[in-house]
C-alpha atoms as a PDB file:
ATOM      1  CA  MET A   1      -8.314 -10.816  20.690  1.00  0.00           C
ATOM      2  CA  ASN A   2      -8.573  -8.704  17.344  1.00  0.00           C
ATOM      3  CA  PHE A   3      -5.547  -8.533  14.563  1.00  0.00           C
ATOM      4  CA  ALA A   4      -3.842  -5.472  15.572  1.00  0.00           C
ATOM      5  CA  LYS A   5      -3.142  -6.937  19.450  1.00  0.00           C
ATOM      6  CA  SER A   6      -2.099  -9.966  18.644  1.00  0.00           C
ATOM      7  CA  GLU A   7       0.341  -8.520  16.075  1.00  0.00           C
ATOM      8  CA  LYS A   8       1.663  -5.856  18.529  1.00  0.00           C
ATOM      9  CA  ALA A   9       1.857  -8.292  21.662  1.00  0.00           C
ATOM     10  CA  ARG A  10       3.947 -10.814  18.796  1.00  0.00           C
ATOM     11  CA  MET A  11       6.106  -7.752  17.457  1.00  0.00           C
ATOM     12  CA  LYS A  12       7.007  -6.977  21.607  1.00  0.00           C
ATOM     13  CA  ALA A  13       8.226 -10.414  22.067  1.00  0.00           C
ATOM     14  CA  ASN A  14       9.977 -10.548  18.604  1.00  0.00           C
ATOM     15  CA  TRP A  15      12.015  -7.226  19.410  1.00  0.00           C
ATOM     16  CA  ASN A  16      12.399  -8.647  22.813  1.00  0.00           C
ATOM     17  CA  ARG A  17      14.450 -11.550  21.748  1.00  0.00           C
ATOM     18  CA  GLN A  18      15.957 -10.016  18.517  1.00  0.00           C
ATOM     19  CA  LEU A  19      17.287  -6.952  20.016  1.00  0.00           C
ATOM     20  CA  ASP A  20      19.342  -5.292  22.796  1.00  0.00           C
ATOM     21  CA  ALA A  21      17.010  -2.613  25.369  1.00  0.00           C
ATOM     22  CA  GLU A  22      19.135   0.104  24.219  1.00  0.00           C
ATOM     23  CA  ASP A  23      17.727  -0.030  20.644  1.00  0.00           C
ATOM     24  CA  MET A  24      14.174   0.157  21.748  1.00  0.00           C
ATOM     25  CA  LEU A  25      11.516   2.900  23.354  1.00  0.00           C
ATOM     26  CA  PRO A  26       9.913   2.125  26.393  1.00  0.00           C
ATOM     27  CA  SER A  27       6.420   0.567  24.582  1.00  0.00           C
ATOM     28  CA  GLY A  28       8.738  -2.256  23.434  1.00  0.00           C
ATOM     29  CA  TYR A  29       7.353  -2.097  19.661  1.00  0.00           C
ATOM     30  CA  GLN A  30       8.909   0.766  19.011  1.00  0.00           C
ATOM     31  CA  LEU A  31      12.673   1.588  18.385  1.00  0.00           C
ATOM     32  CA  LYS A  32      15.103   4.213  18.746  1.00  0.00           C
ATOM     33  CA  SER A  33      15.960   4.136  14.794  1.00  0.00           C
ATOM     34  CA  ARG A  34      13.504   3.653  11.878  1.00  0.00           C
ATOM     35  CA  SER A  35      16.332   1.424   9.991  1.00  0.00           C
ATOM     36  CA  LEU A  36      16.644  -0.926  12.301  1.00  0.00           C
ATOM     37  CA  ASN A  37      12.543  -1.382  11.485  1.00  0.00           C
ATOM     38  CA  LEU A  38      13.717  -2.321   7.834  1.00  0.00           C
ATOM     39  CA  LEU A  39      14.811  -5.741   7.013  1.00  0.00           C
ATOM     40  CA  ASP A  40      18.612  -6.238   5.735  1.00  0.00           C
ATOM     41  CA  ALA A  41      17.374  -6.945   2.229  1.00  0.00           C
ATOM     42  CA  SER A  42      15.639  -3.741   2.132  1.00  0.00           C
ATOM     43  CA  ARG A  43      16.989  -1.075   4.578  1.00  0.00           C
ATOM     44  CA  ASP A  44      20.009   0.246   2.155  1.00  0.00           C
ATOM     45  CA  LEU A  45      17.807   1.157  -0.627  1.00  0.00           C
ATOM     46  CA  SER A  46      15.088   2.160   1.248  1.00  0.00           C
ATOM     47  CA  ILE A  47      17.115   4.787   2.591  1.00  0.00           C
ATOM     48  CA  GLU A  48      19.095   5.932   0.242  1.00  0.00           C
ATOM     49  CA  TYR A  49      15.704   6.357  -2.129  1.00  0.00           C
ATOM     50  CA  PHE A  50      13.770   8.326   0.026  1.00  0.00           C
ATOM     51  CA  GLN A  51      16.432  10.745   0.297  1.00  0.00           C
ATOM     52  CA  ASP A  52      17.764  10.853  -3.398  1.00  0.00           C
ATOM     53  CA  LYS A  53      14.005  11.193  -4.501  1.00  0.00           C
ATOM     54  CA  ASN A  54      12.879  13.824  -1.491  1.00  0.00           C
ATOM     55  CA  VAL A  55      10.090  11.126  -0.534  1.00  0.00           C
ATOM     56  CA  VAL A  56       8.900  11.898   3.325  1.00  0.00           C
ATOM     57  CA  TRP A  57       8.723   9.266   5.360  1.00  0.00           C
ATOM     58  CA  HIS A  58       5.811   8.881   7.857  1.00  0.00           C
ATOM     59  CA  LEU A  59       6.206   9.939  11.302  1.00  0.00           C
ATOM     60  CA  HIS A  60       5.789   6.460  13.036  1.00  0.00           C
ATOM     61  CA  SER A  61       7.946   4.836  10.782  1.00  0.00           C
ATOM     62  CA  ASN A  62      10.163   3.980  13.925  1.00  0.00           C
ATOM     63  CA  HIS A  63       6.774   1.896  15.113  1.00  0.00           C
ATOM     64  CA  ALA A  64       6.972  -2.177  14.889  1.00  0.00           C
ATOM     65  CA  LEU A  65       3.855  -1.938  13.089  1.00  0.00           C
ATOM     66  CA  SER A  66       4.447   0.562  10.376  1.00  0.00           C
ATOM     67  CA  SER A  67       2.722   0.070   7.026  1.00  0.00           C
ATOM     68  CA  GLN A  68       5.442   2.293   5.461  1.00  0.00           C
ATOM     69  CA  VAL A  69       7.682   0.539   6.742  1.00  0.00           C
ATOM     70  CA  ALA A  70       6.173  -2.789   5.908  1.00  0.00           C
ATOM     71  CA  CYS A  71       5.445  -2.205   2.009  1.00  0.00           C
ATOM     72  CA  LEU A  72       8.916  -1.200   1.786  1.00  0.00           C
ATOM     73  CA  ASN A  73      10.060  -4.347   3.750  1.00  0.00           C
ATOM     74  CA  PHE A  74       7.799  -6.376   1.230  1.00  0.00           C
ATOM     75  CA  LEU A  75       8.367  -4.344  -1.866  1.00  0.00           C
ATOM     76  CA  MET A  76      11.901  -2.824  -1.845  1.00  0.00           C
ATOM     77  CA  PRO A  77      13.730  -5.779  -2.663  1.00  0.00           C
ATOM     78  CA  LEU A  78      11.422  -6.607  -5.364  1.00  0.00           C
ATOM     79  CA  ALA A  79      12.656  -3.221  -6.920  1.00  0.00           C
ATOM     80  CA  VAL A  80      15.550  -4.990  -8.747  1.00  0.00           C
ATOM     81  CA  ARG A  81      14.175  -8.387  -9.153  1.00  0.00           C
ATOM     82  CA  SER A  82      11.863  -7.878 -11.637  1.00  0.00           C
ATOM     83  CA  ASP A  83      11.274 -11.494 -11.641  1.00  0.00           C
ATOM     84  CA  LEU A  84      10.127 -12.316  -8.730  1.00  0.00           C
ATOM     85  CA  LEU A  85       8.220  -9.359  -9.105  1.00  0.00           C
ATOM     86  CA  ALA A  86       6.093 -10.085 -11.752  1.00  0.00           C
ATOM     87  CA  ASN A  87       5.642 -13.250  -9.896  1.00  0.00           C
ATOM     88  CA  CYS A  88       3.835 -11.612  -7.291  1.00  0.00           C
ATOM     89  CA  MET A  89       1.791  -9.203  -9.643  1.00  0.00           C
ATOM     90  CA  ALA A  90       0.249 -12.292 -11.694  1.00  0.00           C
ATOM     91  CA  SER A  91      -0.763 -13.937  -8.168  1.00  0.00           C
ATOM     92  CA  ALA A  92      -2.245 -10.785  -7.219  1.00  0.00           C
ATOM     93  CA  LEU A  93      -3.692  -9.938 -10.326  1.00  0.00           C
ATOM     94  CA  GLY A  94      -4.790 -13.097 -11.211  1.00  0.00           C
ATOM     95  CA  GLU A  95      -3.496 -12.549 -14.576  1.00  0.00           C
ATOM     96  CA  PRO A  96      -0.183 -13.777 -16.655  1.00  0.00           C
ATOM     97  CA  ILE A  97       2.502 -10.760 -16.838  1.00  0.00           C
ATOM     98  CA  GLU A  98       4.451 -10.520 -20.140  1.00  0.00           C
ATOM     99  CA  GLU A  99       7.670  -7.998 -18.435  1.00  0.00           C
ATOM    100  CA  MET A 100       7.615  -5.759 -15.861  1.00  0.00           C
ATOM    101  CA  LEU A 101       9.128  -2.211 -16.801  1.00  0.00           C
ATOM    102  CA  PRO A 102      10.724   0.372 -14.725  1.00  0.00           C
ATOM    103  CA  VAL A 103       9.243   3.450 -12.926  1.00  0.00           C
ATOM    104  CA  GLU A 104      12.570   5.147 -12.536  1.00  0.00           C
ATOM    105  CA  SER A 105      16.167   4.449 -11.614  1.00  0.00           C
ATOM    106  CA  THR A 106      18.594   4.843  -8.790  1.00  0.00           C
ATOM    107  CA  GLU A 107      21.155   7.607  -8.960  1.00  0.00           C
ATOM    108  CA  ASP A 108      23.524   5.495 -10.377  1.00  0.00           C
ATOM    109  CA  GLY A 109      21.589   4.401 -13.155  1.00  0.00           C
ATOM    110  CA  THR A 110      19.873   1.150 -11.722  1.00  0.00           C
ATOM    111  CA  PRO A 111      16.825   0.813 -13.260  1.00  0.00           C
ATOM    112  CA  LEU A 112      13.920   0.430 -10.378  1.00  0.00           C
ATOM    113  CA  PHE A 113      10.996  -1.971 -11.315  1.00  0.00           C
ATOM    114  CA  VAL A 114       8.621  -0.522  -8.016  1.00  0.00           C
ATOM    115  CA  GLY A 115       8.431   3.333  -7.024  1.00  0.00           C
ATOM    116  CA  PHE A 116       7.063   4.400  -3.990  1.00  0.00           C
ATOM    117  CA  GLU A 117       4.733   7.154  -2.355  1.00  0.00           C
ATOM    118  CA  TRP A 118       3.620   7.790  -5.540  1.00  0.00           C
ATOM    119  CA  PRO A 119       1.897  11.014  -6.580  1.00  0.00           C
ATOM    120  CA  GLY A 120       1.935  11.519 -10.279  1.00  0.00           C
ATOM    121  CA  LEU A 121       3.797  13.291 -12.936  1.00  0.00           C
ATOM    122  CA  LYS A 122       1.313  16.418 -12.266  1.00  0.00           C
ATOM    123  CA  ASP A 123      -0.666  17.812  -9.517  1.00  0.00           C
ATOM    124  CA  TYR A 124      -4.352  15.659 -10.911  1.00  0.00           C
ATOM    125  CA  LEU A 125      -6.583  16.350  -8.387  1.00  0.00           C
ATOM    126  CA  GLY A 126      -5.212  20.006  -7.413  1.00  0.00           C
ATOM    127  CA  GLU A 127      -3.762  19.497  -4.360  1.00  0.00           C
ATOM    128  CA  SER A 128      -0.790  21.420  -4.906  1.00  0.00           C
ATOM    129  CA  GLY A 129      -1.426  24.569  -6.599  1.00  0.00           C
ATOM    130  CA  GLY A 130      -0.564  23.017 -10.467  1.00  0.00           C
ATOM    131  CA  LYS A 131       2.947  22.220  -9.204  1.00  0.00           C
ATOM    132  CA  VAL A 132       3.801  18.141  -9.174  1.00  0.00           C
ATOM    133  CA  PRO A 133       2.961  17.281  -5.232  1.00  0.00           C
ATOM    134  CA  ARG A 134       5.547  16.376  -3.227  1.00  0.00           C
ATOM    135  CA  ARG A 135       6.181  12.384  -2.434  1.00  0.00           C
ATOM    136  CA  GLY A 136       4.903  11.414   0.380  1.00  0.00           C
ATOM    137  CA  ALA A 137       3.068  14.236   2.246  1.00  0.00           C
ATOM    138  CA  ASN A 138       0.376  16.883   1.321  1.00  0.00           C
ATOM    139  CA  ALA A 139      -1.507  14.899  -1.364  1.00  0.00           C
ATOM    140  CA  THR A 140      -2.673  11.657  -2.701  1.00  0.00           C
ATOM    141  CA  ASN A 141      -0.438   9.018  -2.889  1.00  0.00           C
ATOM    142  CA  ALA A 142      -0.338   5.623  -4.124  1.00  0.00           C
ATOM    143  CA  ASP A 143       2.076   3.595  -1.256  1.00  0.00           C
ATOM    144  CA  ALA A 144       3.483   1.985  -4.320  1.00  0.00           C
ATOM    145  CA  ILE A 145       3.712   2.165  -8.237  1.00  0.00           C
ATOM    146  CA  VAL A 146       4.584  -0.879 -10.458  1.00  0.00           C
ATOM    147  CA  ARG A 147       4.541  -1.086 -14.586  1.00  0.00           C
ATOM    148  CA  PHE A 148       4.062  -3.939 -16.932  1.00  0.00           C
ATOM    149  CA  LYS A 149       3.181  -4.874 -20.307  1.00  0.00           C
ATOM    150  CA  ARG A 150       0.294  -7.409 -20.535  1.00  0.00           C
ATOM    151  CA  GLY A 151      -1.349  -8.034 -24.416  1.00  0.00           C
ATOM    152  CA  GLY A 152       1.043  -5.942 -25.738  1.00  0.00           C
ATOM    153  CA  LYS A 153      -0.458  -2.534 -24.064  1.00  0.00           C
ATOM    154  CA  ILE A 154       1.535  -1.013 -20.628  1.00  0.00           C
ATOM    155  CA  GLU A 155      -0.367  -1.253 -18.029  1.00  0.00           C
ATOM    156  CA  THR A 156       0.069   0.862 -14.328  1.00  0.00           C
ATOM    157  CA  VAL A 157      -1.075  -0.078 -10.893  1.00  0.00           C
ATOM    158  CA  LEU A 158      -1.021   1.727  -7.709  1.00  0.00           C
ATOM    159  CA  ILE A 159      -0.767   0.005  -4.743  1.00  0.00           C
ATOM    160  CA  GLU A 160      -2.252   1.140  -1.311  1.00  0.00           C
ATOM    161  CA  TRP A 161      -0.415  -1.176   1.624  1.00  0.00           C
ATOM    162  CA  LYS A 162      -2.532  -1.711   4.470  1.00  0.00           C
ATOM    163  CA  TYR A 163      -1.061  -3.549   8.140  1.00  0.00           C
ATOM    164  CA  ILE A 164      -3.014  -3.140  11.063  1.00  0.00           C
ATOM    165  CA  GLU A 165      -5.229  -0.550  10.028  1.00  0.00           C
ATOM    166  CA  SER A 166      -8.675   0.005  11.133  1.00  0.00           C
ATOM    167  CA  TYR A 167     -11.615   2.722  10.901  1.00  0.00           C
ATOM    168  CA  GLY A 168     -14.532   4.038  13.216  1.00  0.00           C
ATOM    169  CA  ALA A 169     -16.770   6.291  12.968  1.00  0.00           C
ATOM    170  CA  THR A 170     -15.691   9.886  11.480  1.00  0.00           C
ATOM    171  CA  PRO A 171     -14.970  12.166  14.302  1.00  0.00           C
ATOM    172  CA  LYS A 172     -17.365  14.842  14.052  1.00  0.00           C
ATOM    173  CA  SER A 173     -14.397  17.648  13.923  1.00  0.00           C
ATOM    174  CA  TRP A 174     -13.156  16.041  10.795  1.00  0.00           C
ATOM    175  CA  SER A 175     -15.812  17.518   8.909  1.00  0.00           C
ATOM    176  CA  ASP A 176     -14.871  21.041   9.704  1.00  0.00           C
ATOM    177  CA  ARG A 177     -12.745  20.768   6.174  1.00  0.00           C
ATOM    178  CA  ASN A 178     -16.003  18.792   4.108  1.00  0.00           C
ATOM    179  CA  HIS A 179     -16.016  22.219   2.556  1.00  0.00           C
ATOM    180  CA  VAL A 180     -12.233  22.056   1.311  1.00  0.00           C
ATOM    181  CA  ARG A 181     -12.730  18.586   0.288  1.00  0.00           C
ATOM    182  CA  LEU A 182     -15.891  19.811  -1.735  1.00  0.00           C
ATOM    183  CA  GLY A 183     -14.535  22.405  -3.388  1.00  0.00           C
ATOM    184  CA  ARG A 184     -11.325  20.479  -4.084  1.00  0.00           C
ATOM    185  CA  TYR A 185     -12.615  17.130  -5.378  1.00  0.00           C
ATOM    186  CA  LYS A 186     -16.348  17.672  -6.334  1.00  0.00           C
ATOM    187  CA  ASP A 187     -15.625  17.470 -10.291  1.00  0.00           C
ATOM    188  CA  HIS A 188     -13.692  14.515 -10.121  1.00  0.00           C
ATOM    189  CA  VAL A 189     -15.687  12.039  -8.263  1.00  0.00           C
ATOM    190  CA  PHE A 190     -18.681  10.932 -10.836  1.00  0.00           C
ATOM    191  CA  ALA A 191     -18.641  10.146 -14.436  1.00  0.00           C
ATOM    192  CA  PRO A 192     -18.119  10.949 -16.939  1.00  0.00           C
ATOM    193  CA  ASN A 193     -14.828  12.899 -15.292  1.00  0.00           C
ATOM    194  CA  GLY A 194     -14.210  10.501 -12.820  1.00  0.00           C
ATOM    195  CA  PRO A 195     -14.682   6.619 -11.259  1.00  0.00           C
ATOM    196  CA  ILE A 196     -18.000   6.503  -9.233  1.00  0.00           C
ATOM    197  CA  ARG A 197     -20.919   5.487 -11.442  1.00  0.00           C
ATOM    198  CA  SER A 198     -23.155   8.845 -11.741  1.00  0.00           C
ATOM    199  CA  ASP A 199     -26.739   6.304 -10.894  1.00  0.00           C
ATOM    200  CA  CYS A 200     -25.568   5.275  -7.268  1.00  0.00           C
ATOM    201  CA  SER A 201     -27.861   8.056  -5.533  1.00  0.00           C
ATOM    202  CA  LEU A 202     -24.808   9.318  -3.491  1.00  0.00           C
ATOM    203  CA  GLU A 203     -23.346  13.022  -3.405  1.00  0.00           C
ATOM    204  CA  VAL A 204     -18.948  13.746  -2.216  1.00  0.00           C
ATOM    205  CA  GLU A 205     -19.748  14.609   1.070  1.00  0.00           C
ATOM    206  CA  ASP A 206     -21.180  11.060   1.435  1.00  0.00           C
ATOM    207  CA  PHE A 207     -17.450   9.623   0.769  1.00  0.00           C
ATOM    208  CA  PHE A 208     -15.731  11.761   3.677  1.00  0.00           C
ATOM    209  CA  HIS A 209     -14.884   9.178   5.870  1.00  0.00           C
ATOM    210  CA  GLU A 210     -11.934   6.885   6.145  1.00  0.00           C
ATOM    211  CA  PRO A 211     -10.944   4.545   4.619  1.00  0.00           C
ATOM    212  CA  VAL A 212     -13.421   4.977   1.836  1.00  0.00           C
ATOM    213  CA  TYR A 213     -11.819   9.254   1.388  1.00  0.00           C
ATOM    214  CA  GLN A 214      -8.298   7.405   1.007  1.00  0.00           C
ATOM    215  CA  MET A 215      -9.376   4.727  -1.870  1.00  0.00           C
ATOM    216  CA  LEU A 216     -11.867   7.473  -3.651  1.00  0.00           C
ATOM    217  CA  ARG A 217      -9.093  10.109  -4.232  1.00  0.00           C
ATOM    218  CA  GLN A 218      -6.352   7.055  -5.247  1.00  0.00           C
ATOM    219  CA  GLN A 219      -9.308   5.935  -8.207  1.00  0.00           C
ATOM    220  CA  MET A 220      -9.545   9.179  -9.072  1.00  0.00           C
ATOM    221  CA  LEU A 221      -5.450   9.466  -9.177  1.00  0.00           C
ATOM    222  CA  ALA A 222      -5.903   6.441 -11.213  1.00  0.00           C
ATOM    223  CA  TRP A 223      -8.340   7.905 -13.786  1.00  0.00           C
ATOM    224  CA  GLN A 224      -6.846  11.133 -13.911  1.00  0.00           C
ATOM    225  CA  MET A 225      -3.366   8.882 -15.019  1.00  0.00           C
ATOM    226  CA  GLU A 226      -5.048   6.733 -16.919  1.00  0.00           C
ATOM    227  CA  ARG A 227      -6.703   9.306 -18.983  1.00  0.00           C
ATOM    228  CA  ALA A 228      -3.403  11.243 -19.317  1.00  0.00           C
ATOM    229  CA  GLN A 229      -1.695   8.337 -20.379  1.00  0.00           C
ATOM    230  CA  GLU A 230       0.998   8.994 -17.914  1.00  0.00           C
ATOM    231  CA  SER A 231       4.002   7.068 -18.886  1.00  0.00           C
ATOM    232  CA  ASP A 232       2.714   5.629 -21.943  1.00  0.00           C
ATOM    233  CA  ALA A 233       0.042   3.764 -19.784  1.00  0.00           C
ATOM    234  CA  SER A 234      -3.552   2.591 -21.559  1.00  0.00           C
ATOM    235  CA  ARG A 235      -4.584   1.491 -17.744  1.00  0.00           C
ATOM    236  CA  VAL A 236      -4.124   2.396 -14.712  1.00  0.00           C
ATOM    237  CA  ARG A 237      -5.737   0.094 -11.710  1.00  0.00           C
ATOM    238  CA  VAL A 238      -5.507   0.680  -7.554  1.00  0.00           C
ATOM    239  CA  LEU A 239      -4.530  -2.640  -5.845  1.00  0.00           C
ATOM    240  CA  HIS A 240      -5.543  -2.994  -2.339  1.00  0.00           C
ATOM    241  CA  ILE A 241      -3.175  -5.423  -0.170  1.00  0.00           C
ATOM    242  CA  SER A 242      -3.676  -6.016   3.519  1.00  0.00           C
ATOM    243  CA  PRO A 243      -3.893  -9.376   5.694  1.00  0.00           C
ATOM    244  CA  SER A 244      -7.129 -11.336   5.612  1.00  0.00           C
ATOM    245  CA  GLU A 245      -6.908 -11.712   9.203  1.00  0.00           C
ATOM    246  CA  ASN A 246      -7.112  -7.644   9.685  1.00  0.00           C
ATOM    247  CA  LEU A 247     -10.591  -8.637   9.394  1.00  0.00           C
ATOM    248  CA  ALA A 248     -11.587  -4.740  10.744  1.00  0.00           C
ATOM    249  CA  LEU A 249     -10.529  -3.314   7.883  1.00  0.00           C
ATOM    250  CA  HIS A 250     -13.350  -4.579   6.022  1.00  0.00           C
ATOM    251  CA  ARG A 251     -16.430  -2.892   8.194  1.00  0.00           C
ATOM    252  CA  MET A 252     -17.857  -0.601   6.478  1.00  0.00           C
ATOM    253  CA  THR A 253     -17.148   2.826   7.688  1.00  0.00           C
ATOM    254  CA  ALA A 254     -19.633   5.406   5.743  1.00  0.00           C
ATOM    255  CA  PRO A 255     -22.802   5.787   6.880  1.00  0.00           C
ATOM    256  CA  ALA A 256     -24.203   6.790   3.073  1.00  0.00           C
ATOM    257  CA  LEU A 257     -22.970   3.921   1.204  1.00  0.00           C
ATOM    258  CA  PRO A 258     -24.518   0.288   1.032  1.00  0.00           C
ATOM    259  CA  SER A 259     -23.532  -2.150   3.885  1.00  0.00           C
ATOM    260  CA  GLY A 260     -21.432  -4.691   3.139  1.00  0.00           C
ATOM    261  CA  ASP A 261     -17.827  -5.400   2.928  1.00  0.00           C
ATOM    262  CA  ILE A 262     -16.783  -2.141   2.504  1.00  0.00           C
ATOM    263  CA  PHE A 263     -14.290  -2.803  -0.540  1.00  0.00           C
ATOM    264  CA  GLU A 264     -16.733  -4.767  -2.689  1.00  0.00           C
ATOM    265  CA  VAL A 265     -18.875  -2.434  -1.672  1.00  0.00           C
ATOM    266  CA  PHE A 266     -16.316   0.556  -3.121  1.00  0.00           C
ATOM    267  CA  GLN A 267     -15.442  -1.529  -6.125  1.00  0.00           C
ATOM    268  CA  SER A 268     -19.301  -2.024  -6.707  1.00  0.00           C
ATOM    269  CA  LEU A 269     -19.626   1.538  -6.676  1.00  0.00           C
ATOM    270  CA  LEU A 270     -17.143   2.323 -10.112  1.00  0.00           C
ATOM    271  CA  ILE A 271     -17.612   2.781 -13.629  1.00  0.00           C
ATOM    272  CA  ASP A 272     -14.943   0.056 -13.912  1.00  0.00           C
ATOM    273  CA  PRO A 273     -15.474  -2.716 -11.093  1.00  0.00           C
ATOM    274  CA  GLU A 274     -12.122  -4.027 -12.415  1.00  0.00           C
ATOM    275  CA  SER A 275     -10.109  -0.776 -11.749  1.00  0.00           C
ATOM    276  CA  PHE A 276     -10.158  -1.390  -7.999  1.00  0.00           C
ATOM    277  CA  CYS A 277      -8.746  -5.085  -6.955  1.00  0.00           C
ATOM    278  CA  ASN A 278      -8.157  -6.109  -3.374  1.00  0.00           C
ATOM    279  CA  VAL A 279      -6.182  -9.273  -2.241  1.00  0.00           C
ATOM    280  CA  SER A 280      -4.787 -10.885   0.788  1.00  0.00           C
ATOM    281  CA  THR A 281      -0.933  -9.994   1.582  1.00  0.00           C
ATOM    282  CA  ALA A 282      -0.831 -13.888   1.772  1.00  0.00           C
ATOM    283  CA  ARG A 283      -2.214 -14.188  -2.358  1.00  0.00           C
ATOM    284  CA  MET A 284       0.258 -12.041  -3.529  1.00  0.00           C
ATOM    285  CA  PHE A 285       3.748 -12.859  -1.599  1.00  0.00           C
ATOM    286  CA  ALA A 286       2.995 -16.816  -1.979  1.00  0.00           C
ATOM    287  CA  PRO A 287       5.490 -17.181  -4.906  1.00  0.00           C
ATOM    288  CA  LEU A 288       8.038 -16.120  -2.594  1.00  0.00           C
ATOM    289  CA  LEU A 289       8.204 -19.442  -1.341  1.00  0.00           C
ATOM    290  CA  THR A 290       8.295 -21.191  -4.514  1.00  0.00           C
ATOM    291  CA  ASP A 291      10.697 -19.038  -6.854  1.00  0.00           C
ATOM    292  CA  SER A 292      13.272 -17.387  -4.705  1.00  0.00           C
ATOM    293  CA  GLY A 293      15.503 -20.435  -5.955  1.00  0.00           C
ATOM    294  CA  ALA A 294      19.241 -21.159  -4.736  1.00  0.00           C
ATOM    295  CA  ASP A 295      19.916 -17.259  -4.396  1.00  0.00           C
ATOM    296  CA  GLY A 296      20.988 -16.916  -0.891  1.00  0.00           C
ATOM    297  CA  ALA A 297      20.554 -13.627  -0.590  1.00  0.00           C
ATOM    298  CA  THR A 298      16.564 -13.265  -1.542  1.00  0.00           C
ATOM    299  CA  LYS A 299      16.858 -16.473   0.672  1.00  0.00           C
ATOM    300  CA  ASP A 300      17.818 -14.982   3.625  1.00  0.00           C
ATOM    301  CA  TRP A 301      15.465 -12.198   2.925  1.00  0.00           C
ATOM    302  CA  THR A 302      12.088 -14.429   2.524  1.00  0.00           C
ATOM    303  CA  ASP A 303      13.739 -16.030   5.780  1.00  0.00           C
ATOM    304  CA  GLN A 304      13.218 -12.791   7.645  1.00  0.00           C
ATOM    305  CA  LEU A 305       9.899 -11.959   5.484  1.00  0.00           C
ATOM    306  CA  VAL A 306       8.472 -15.354   7.042  1.00  0.00           C
ATOM    307  CA  GLN A 307       9.681 -14.431  11.003  1.00  0.00           C
ATOM    308  CA  ARG A 308       9.096 -11.005  10.738  1.00  0.00           C
ATOM    309  CA  TYR A 309       5.268 -11.217   9.317  1.00  0.00           C
ATOM    310  CA  PRO A 310       3.715 -14.698   9.356  1.00  0.00           C
ATOM    311  CA  PHE A 311       0.293 -13.312   8.782  1.00  0.00           C
ATOM    312  CA  ALA A 312       1.889 -13.364   5.024  1.00  0.00           C
ATOM    313  CA  PHE A 313       2.909 -17.472   4.564  1.00  0.00           C
ATOM    314  CA  PRO A 314      -0.225 -18.589   6.546  1.00  0.00           C
ATOM    315  CA  ASP A 315       0.093 -22.187   5.395  1.00  0.00           C
ATOM    316  CA  LEU A 316       3.677 -21.897   7.220  1.00  0.00           C
ATOM    317  CA  PRO A 317       4.238 -22.857  11.076  1.00  0.00           C
ATOM    318  CA  ARG A 318       4.029 -20.003  13.392  1.00  0.00           C
ATOM    319  CA  ASN A 319       5.680 -19.139  16.117  1.00  0.00           C
ATOM    320  CA  THR A 320       3.496 -18.740  18.665  1.00  0.00           C
ATOM    321  CA  GLU A 321       6.268 -17.796  22.117  1.00  0.00           C
ATOM    322  CA  TYR A 322       4.232 -14.575  21.948  1.00  0.00           C
ATOM    323  CA  ASP A 323       1.128 -16.380  23.180  1.00  0.00           C
ATOM    324  CA  ALA A 324       2.313 -15.859  26.630  1.00  0.00           C
ATOM    325  CA  LEU A 325       1.987 -11.823  26.779  1.00  0.00           C
ATOM    326  CA  LEU A 326      -2.312 -12.138  25.536  1.00  0.00           C
END
């Protein structure tokens, strides 16, 4: 059984055990309220944040397997815990973090060390008619953004979060808008005006297959932000996070690109391969099991994460009650 099917069965078993029938839709893994989909530690701040920042919720944010909700459940509590966030980022990047820096703040002035659905501070890719794109809709957005100091310089990392996603062949109907994509992005793709090597014998259209198309747009956004030194950052990278068990996500879907692991191939096409990092959810969040300390609220949150997303903590015993559903 593939990862997506096993997660769906496991989550359905979880909801049947934890929730009342009136809280769920007939599918068994969709909820009547997205607030129920958020963990206790992320719920109030996430709802407040999306309202205050005018961020768009994904259409299926009531779905137990929502990537947006998973991203919030892991990262929103860290937005106010810069110490734990620094440890997780150091684990993900494999390098020490000197100091996490605020990205923005709440309405009452509380600093937030993670931002969500980030399109940049201007219309870098010409997607919004010159206006600042709305967060979470109709423009290239990073699922999250963090800033920190390393080596005395400010760095920014754009985070792309994946959960059960996988991609197959691109439908022929999808290519109907390739002329729009080409007109919008053709001058932002290849060096010296973009992040992709100019000697790789590829055309812009060769990238118009998901998830490569999304990866390209985020890398172009990072490239533009770095050259604009947005928020004083001297370096902007993309960090891609996904479960190691989701093997289907690694399949190459763009026929003109070299065969192999899609993330390794994409990285090899960049003029700066280190500007793209692909890590497992487990690697990034391993510090949560050792660094939560005696803080009761933090311990409650990590316990909920372990129960909700056991794939992120592979060294712990797994709950296999859902096996009867497989």
